[in-house]
Amino acid sequence: MAFLEEILYLLDTRRFLLHRAAEVRISPGPEGYELEAVFVGDAAAGGYEIFGEVKAVTYNDMKIEAGDAPLVQVVVDM
């Protein structure tokens, strides 16, 4: 879940809006699996109005699907 918190940190500190994760690598690590990815931002990020503030990433209703087009869906607390 650390990578999700990193995305939240980038939003809070740099107004970074995630468009996609590129070059995703998942490998076994000493405490489970490790994830490494390059985040690609939205080119129009400056054109959005953001209402409210994301407080935290949660496991509530998290959805993870593997395959040709992997998907990770999360719900955030606002």
N, C-alpha and C. Protein backbone atom coordinates (compact mmCIF):
# COMPACT_ATOMS: atom_id res chain seq x y z
N MET A 1 0.82 -1.19 0.00
CA MET A 1 0.00 0.00 0.00
C MET A 1 0.87 1.26 0.00
N ALA A 2 2.16 1.11 0.18
CA ALA A 2 3.06 2.27 0.22
C ALA A 2 3.03 3.03 -1.11
N PHE A 3 2.90 2.31 -2.23
CA PHE A 3 2.89 3.02 -3.51
C PHE A 3 1.64 3.88 -3.66
N LEU A 4 0.53 3.46 -3.07
CA LEU A 4 -0.68 4.28 -3.11
C LEU A 4 -0.51 5.54 -2.25
N GLU A 5 0.15 5.38 -1.13
CA GLU A 5 0.43 6.55 -0.28
C GLU A 5 1.40 7.51 -0.97
N GLU A 6 2.31 6.97 -1.78
CA GLU A 6 3.22 7.83 -2.55
C GLU A 6 2.45 8.68 -3.56
N ILE A 7 1.45 8.09 -4.21
CA ILE A 7 0.62 8.85 -5.15
C ILE A 7 -0.12 9.97 -4.41
N LEU A 8 -0.64 9.67 -3.24
CA LEU A 8 -1.32 10.67 -2.42
C LEU A 8 -0.35 11.79 -2.02
N TYR A 9 0.85 11.43 -1.65
CA TYR A 9 1.88 12.43 -1.31
C TYR A 9 2.16 13.35 -2.50
N LEU A 10 2.29 12.77 -3.69
CA LEU A 10 2.55 13.58 -4.88
C LEU A 10 1.38 14.52 -5.18
N LEU A 11 0.17 14.06 -4.97
CA LEU A 11 -1.01 14.93 -5.15
C LEU A 11 -0.96 16.09 -4.17
N ASP A 12 -0.69 15.80 -2.91
CA ASP A 12 -0.67 16.83 -1.86
C ASP A 12 0.45 17.85 -2.04
N THR A 13 1.62 17.40 -2.45
CA THR A 13 2.78 18.29 -2.48
C THR A 13 3.05 18.91 -3.85
N ARG A 14 2.64 18.23 -4.92
CA ARG A 14 2.97 18.72 -6.27
C ARG A 14 1.76 18.82 -7.19
N ARG A 15 0.56 18.59 -6.64
CA ARG A 15 -0.67 18.62 -7.45
C ARG A 15 -0.57 17.63 -8.62
N PHE A 16 0.10 16.51 -8.39
CA PHE A 16 0.32 15.48 -9.41
C PHE A 16 -0.93 14.61 -9.51
N LEU A 17 -1.50 14.53 -10.71
CA LEU A 17 -2.65 13.66 -10.95
C LEU A 17 -2.18 12.47 -11.79
N LEU A 18 -2.36 11.29 -11.26
CA LEU A 18 -1.89 10.08 -11.93
C LEU A 18 -2.74 9.77 -13.16
N HIS A 19 -2.06 9.53 -14.27
CA HIS A 19 -2.72 9.10 -15.50
C HIS A 19 -2.59 7.59 -15.67
N ARG A 20 -1.37 7.08 -15.43
CA ARG A 20 -1.14 5.64 -15.52
C ARG A 20 0.18 5.29 -14.86
N ALA A 21 0.35 4.02 -14.58
CA ALA A 21 1.62 3.52 -14.05
C ALA A 21 2.30 2.75 -15.19
N ALA A 22 3.51 3.14 -15.50
CA ALA A 22 4.26 2.50 -16.59
C ALA A 22 5.42 1.71 -15.99
N GLU A 23 5.94 0.80 -16.76
CA GLU A 23 7.11 0.01 -16.36
C GLU A 23 6.93 -0.60 -14.97
N VAL A 24 5.84 -1.26 -14.75
CA VAL A 24 5.53 -1.85 -13.45
C VAL A 24 6.28 -3.17 -13.31
N ARG A 25 6.99 -3.31 -12.18
CA ARG A 25 7.70 -4.54 -11.87
C ARG A 25 7.33 -4.98 -10.46
N ILE A 26 6.97 -6.24 -10.33
CA ILE A 26 6.65 -6.82 -9.03
C ILE A 26 7.61 -7.98 -8.81
N SER A 27 8.28 -7.98 -7.66
CA SER A 27 9.25 -9.04 -7.39
C SER A 27 9.18 -9.44 -5.92
N PRO A 28 9.58 -10.68 -5.62
CA PRO A 28 9.60 -11.10 -4.22
C PRO A 28 10.61 -10.29 -3.43
N GLY A 29 10.25 -9.95 -2.22
CA GLY A 29 11.15 -9.19 -1.34
C GLY A 29 11.24 -9.86 0.01
N PRO A 30 12.00 -9.29 0.92
CA PRO A 30 12.19 -9.90 2.24
C PRO A 30 10.92 -9.95 3.09
N GLU A 31 9.96 -9.05 2.83
CA GLU A 31 8.73 -9.02 3.62
C GLU A 31 7.49 -9.17 2.75
N GLY A 32 7.57 -9.96 1.70
CA GLY A 32 6.45 -10.13 0.76
C GLY A 32 6.89 -9.73 -0.63
N TYR A 33 6.05 -9.01 -1.31
CA TYR A 33 6.38 -8.58 -2.67
C TYR A 33 6.74 -7.10 -2.67
N GLU A 34 7.58 -6.72 -3.63
CA GLU A 34 7.96 -5.33 -3.82
C GLU A 34 7.46 -4.86 -5.17
N LEU A 35 6.98 -3.63 -5.22
CA LEU A 35 6.46 -3.06 -6.45
C LEU A 35 7.30 -1.86 -6.82
N GLU A 36 7.69 -1.78 -8.08
CA GLU A 36 8.42 -0.63 -8.60
C GLU A 36 7.73 -0.20 -9.87
N ALA A 37 7.46 1.10 -10.00
CA ALA A 37 6.76 1.60 -11.19
C ALA A 37 7.15 3.03 -11.46
N VAL A 38 6.95 3.42 -12.70
CA VAL A 38 7.10 4.81 -13.10
C VAL A 38 5.69 5.37 -13.23
N PHE A 39 5.39 6.47 -12.50
CA PHE A 39 4.08 7.09 -12.58
C PHE A 39 4.08 8.15 -13.68
N VAL A 40 3.04 8.13 -14.52
CA VAL A 40 2.88 9.11 -15.58
C VAL A 40 1.73 10.01 -15.20
N GLY A 41 1.98 11.31 -15.16
CA GLY A 41 0.96 12.27 -14.76
C GLY A 41 0.05 12.66 -15.90
N ASP A 42 -1.06 13.29 -15.56
CA ASP A 42 -2.01 13.80 -16.53
C ASP A 42 -1.48 15.12 -17.09
N ALA A 43 -1.37 15.23 -18.40
CA ALA A 43 -0.81 16.43 -19.02
C ALA A 43 -1.66 17.67 -18.75
N ALA A 44 -2.94 17.50 -18.46
CA ALA A 44 -3.85 18.64 -18.22
C ALA A 44 -4.07 18.86 -16.73
N ALA A 45 -3.18 18.38 -15.87
CA ALA A 45 -3.39 18.44 -14.42
C ALA A 45 -3.66 19.85 -13.92
N GLY A 46 -3.07 20.85 -14.54
CA GLY A 46 -3.30 22.22 -14.11
C GLY A 46 -4.69 22.74 -14.44
N GLY A 47 -5.42 22.02 -15.29
CA GLY A 47 -6.74 22.47 -15.72
C GLY A 47 -7.90 21.94 -14.90
N TYR A 48 -7.63 21.19 -13.85
CA TYR A 48 -8.68 20.61 -13.01
C TYR A 48 -8.85 21.39 -11.72
N GLU A 49 -10.07 21.46 -11.26
CA GLU A 49 -10.34 21.97 -9.92
C GLU A 49 -10.47 20.77 -9.00
N ILE A 50 -9.80 20.80 -7.88
CA ILE A 50 -9.87 19.70 -6.93
C ILE A 50 -10.66 20.18 -5.73
N PHE A 51 -11.74 19.46 -5.43
CA PHE A 51 -12.60 19.81 -4.30
C PHE A 51 -12.40 18.80 -3.19
N GLY A 52 -12.17 19.26 -2.00
CA GLY A 52 -11.95 18.36 -0.88
C GLY A 52 -10.51 17.92 -0.81
N GLU A 53 -10.26 17.03 0.12
CA GLU A 53 -8.90 16.54 0.34
C GLU A 53 -8.95 15.05 0.65
N VAL A 54 -8.09 14.30 0.01
CA VAL A 54 -8.00 12.87 0.29
C VAL A 54 -7.23 12.70 1.59
N LYS A 55 -7.83 12.02 2.57
CA LYS A 55 -7.18 11.83 3.87
C LYS A 55 -6.29 10.59 3.89
N ALA A 56 -6.79 9.51 3.29
CA ALA A 56 -6.04 8.25 3.36
C ALA A 56 -6.51 7.27 2.30
N VAL A 57 -5.62 6.35 1.98
CA VAL A 57 -5.95 5.22 1.12
C VAL A 57 -6.38 4.08 2.03
N THR A 58 -7.43 3.34 1.65
CA THR A 58 -7.91 2.25 2.49
C THR A 58 -7.97 0.94 1.69
N TYR A 59 -8.13 -0.15 2.41
CA TYR A 59 -8.35 -1.44 1.77
C TYR A 59 -9.82 -1.67 1.47
N ASN A 60 -10.68 -0.79 1.93
CA ASN A 60 -12.12 -0.95 1.75
C ASN A 60 -12.47 -1.02 0.26
N ASP A 61 -13.13 -2.09 -0.14
CA ASP A 61 -13.55 -2.31 -1.54
C ASP A 61 -12.39 -2.30 -2.53
N MET A 62 -11.17 -2.62 -2.08
CA MET A 62 -10.03 -2.69 -2.99
C MET A 62 -10.25 -3.83 -3.97
N LYS A 63 -9.85 -3.60 -5.20
CA LYS A 63 -10.01 -4.60 -6.26
C LYS A 63 -8.69 -4.70 -7.01
N ILE A 64 -8.18 -5.92 -7.16
CA ILE A 64 -6.94 -6.15 -7.89
C ILE A 64 -7.20 -7.25 -8.90
N GLU A 65 -6.90 -6.97 -10.17
CA GLU A 65 -7.08 -7.96 -11.24
C GLU A 65 -5.78 -8.08 -12.02
N ALA A 66 -5.33 -9.31 -12.22
CA ALA A 66 -4.13 -9.56 -13.02
C ALA A 66 -4.56 -9.87 -14.45
N GLY A 67 -3.62 -9.90 -15.34
CA GLY A 67 -3.93 -10.23 -16.73
C GLY A 67 -3.16 -9.33 -17.68
N ASP A 68 -3.62 -9.28 -18.94
CA ASP A 68 -2.95 -8.46 -19.95
C ASP A 68 -2.99 -6.98 -19.59
N ALA A 69 -4.08 -6.55 -18.98
CA ALA A 69 -4.22 -5.15 -18.54
C ALA A 69 -4.53 -5.16 -17.05
N PRO A 70 -3.50 -5.28 -16.19
CA PRO A 70 -3.75 -5.33 -14.74
C PRO A 70 -4.51 -4.10 -14.26
N LEU A 71 -5.32 -4.32 -13.22
CA LEU A 71 -6.16 -3.24 -12.68
C LEU A 71 -6.06 -3.24 -11.16
N VAL A 72 -5.87 -2.06 -10.59
CA VAL A 72 -5.94 -1.87 -9.14
C VAL A 72 -6.92 -0.75 -8.92
N GLN A 73 -7.99 -1.05 -8.19
CA GLN A 73 -9.02 -0.05 -7.87
C GLN A 73 -9.06 0.12 -6.37
N VAL A 74 -9.02 1.36 -5.91
CA VAL A 74 -9.05 1.64 -4.48
C VAL A 74 -10.10 2.69 -4.17
N VAL A 75 -10.52 2.69 -2.94
CA VAL A 75 -11.43 3.71 -2.42
C VAL A 75 -10.63 4.54 -1.43
N VAL A 76 -10.80 5.84 -1.47
CA VAL A 76 -10.06 6.71 -0.57
C VAL A 76 -11.01 7.37 0.43
N ASP A 77 -10.48 7.70 1.61
CA ASP A 77 -11.24 8.45 2.62
C ASP A 77 -11.05 9.93 2.36
N MET A 78 -12.16 10.64 2.37
CA MET A 78 -12.09 12.10 2.15
C MET A 78 -12.60 12.83 3.36
